[in-house]
Amino acid sequence: MALDEALKNLKHDVRMLEINMNNGTLTNEEVRTYLNSLPDSAANSEPVSLEDKKDSLGSH
């Protein structure tokens, strides 16, 4: 894979977002459009409570 193709595949990668916006590869509108196109995964999520973790850490 050529470098330009690899960079194109990473265009919306969160680790490259700031760089791509600073060098003009991405605009705010492109980022907004991309984020709005992502599917809603809320049904696949599970609530997490930090209080539950704190209680289990104290039992060791």
C-alpha atoms as a PDB file:
ATOM      1  CA  MET A   1       0.000   0.000   0.000  1.00  0.00           C
ATOM      2  CA  ALA A   2       1.355   3.383  -0.973  1.00  0.00           C
ATOM      3  CA  LEU A   3       1.753   6.100   1.644  1.00  0.00           C
ATOM      4  CA  ASP A   4      -0.852   8.372   0.037  1.00  0.00           C
ATOM      5  CA  GLU A   5      -3.386   5.521   0.022  1.00  0.00           C
ATOM      6  CA  ALA A   6      -2.636   4.714   3.682  1.00  0.00           C
ATOM      7  CA  LEU A   7      -3.105   8.371   4.649  1.00  0.00           C
ATOM      8  CA  LYS A   8      -6.375   8.504   2.710  1.00  0.00           C
ATOM      9  CA  ASN A   9      -7.603   5.480   4.709  1.00  0.00           C
ATOM     10  CA  LEU A  10      -6.740   7.345   7.933  1.00  0.00           C
ATOM     11  CA  LYS A  11      -8.377  10.607   6.870  1.00  0.00           C
ATOM     12  CA  HIS A  12     -11.114  10.386   9.536  1.00  0.00           C
ATOM     13  CA  ASP A  13      -9.053   8.551  12.142  1.00  0.00           C
ATOM     14  CA  VAL A  14      -9.386  10.392  15.460  1.00  0.00           C
ATOM     15  CA  ARG A  15      -5.598  10.230  15.926  1.00  0.00           C
ATOM     16  CA  MET A  16      -5.114  12.124  12.644  1.00  0.00           C
ATOM     17  CA  LEU A  17      -8.069  14.505  12.932  1.00  0.00           C
ATOM     18  CA  GLU A  18      -6.196  17.541  14.251  1.00  0.00           C
ATOM     19  CA  ILE A  19      -3.342  17.103  11.778  1.00  0.00           C
ATOM     20  CA  ASN A  20      -5.739  16.716   8.839  1.00  0.00           C
ATOM     21  CA  MET A  21      -7.721  19.777   9.864  1.00  0.00           C
ATOM     22  CA  ASN A  22      -4.582  21.885  10.388  1.00  0.00           C
ATOM     23  CA  ASN A  23      -3.132  21.013   6.984  1.00  0.00           C
ATOM     24  CA  GLY A  24      -6.442  21.499   5.152  1.00  0.00           C
ATOM     25  CA  THR A  25      -7.045  17.841   4.300  1.00  0.00           C
ATOM     26  CA  LEU A  26     -10.338  17.999   6.240  1.00  0.00           C
ATOM     27  CA  THR A  27     -12.791  20.798   6.877  1.00  0.00           C
ATOM     28  CA  ASN A  28     -15.195  21.194   9.806  1.00  0.00           C
ATOM     29  CA  GLU A  29     -18.068  20.435   7.437  1.00  0.00           C
ATOM     30  CA  GLU A  30     -16.446  17.177   6.241  1.00  0.00           C
ATOM     31  CA  VAL A  31     -15.887  16.069   9.847  1.00  0.00           C
ATOM     32  CA  ARG A  32     -19.482  16.950  10.766  1.00  0.00           C
ATOM     33  CA  THR A  33     -20.821  15.045   7.731  1.00  0.00           C
ATOM     34  CA  TYR A  34     -18.671  12.006   8.530  1.00  0.00           C
ATOM     35  CA  LEU A  35     -19.707  11.943  12.199  1.00  0.00           C
ATOM     36  CA  ASN A  36     -23.380  12.241  11.248  1.00  0.00           C
ATOM     37  CA  SER A  37     -23.003   9.270   8.871  1.00  0.00           C
ATOM     38  CA  LEU A  38     -21.810   6.903  11.616  1.00  0.00           C
ATOM     39  CA  PRO A  39     -24.377   4.386  12.856  1.00  0.00           C
ATOM     40  CA  ASP A  40     -25.854   4.747  16.342  1.00  0.00           C
ATOM     41  CA  SER A  41     -24.411   1.943  18.498  1.00  0.00           C
ATOM     42  CA  ALA A  42     -26.298   2.861  21.676  1.00  0.00           C
ATOM     43  CA  ALA A  43     -28.157  -0.471  21.610  1.00  0.00           C
ATOM     44  CA  ASN A  44     -24.797  -2.273  21.893  1.00  0.00           C
ATOM     45  CA  SER A  45     -23.706  -0.341  24.972  1.00  0.00           C
ATOM     46  CA  GLU A  46     -23.878  -1.148  28.653  1.00  0.00           C
ATOM     47  CA  PRO A  47     -23.926   1.332  31.561  1.00  0.00           C
ATOM     48  CA  VAL A  48     -20.814   1.440  33.737  1.00  0.00           C
ATOM     49  CA  SER A  49     -20.709   2.740  37.277  1.00  0.00           C
ATOM     50  CA  LEU A  50     -17.437   3.873  38.804  1.00  0.00           C
ATOM     51  CA  GLU A  51     -18.917   3.268  42.236  1.00  0.00           C
ATOM     52  CA  ASP A  52     -19.206  -0.455  41.434  1.00  0.00           C
ATOM     53  CA  LYS A  53     -15.515  -0.553  40.521  1.00  0.00           C
ATOM     54  CA  LYS A  54     -14.479   1.271  43.682  1.00  0.00           C
ATOM     55  CA  ASP A  55     -16.374  -1.263  45.840  1.00  0.00           C
ATOM     56  CA  SER A  56     -14.713  -4.224  44.112  1.00  0.00           C
ATOM     57  CA  LEU A  57     -11.240  -2.677  44.425  1.00  0.00           C
ATOM     58  CA  GLY A  58     -11.617  -2.287  48.191  1.00  0.00           C
ATOM     59  CA  SER A  59     -12.381  -6.006  48.663  1.00  0.00           C
ATOM     60  CA  HIS A  60      -8.850  -7.194  47.799  1.00  0.00           C
END
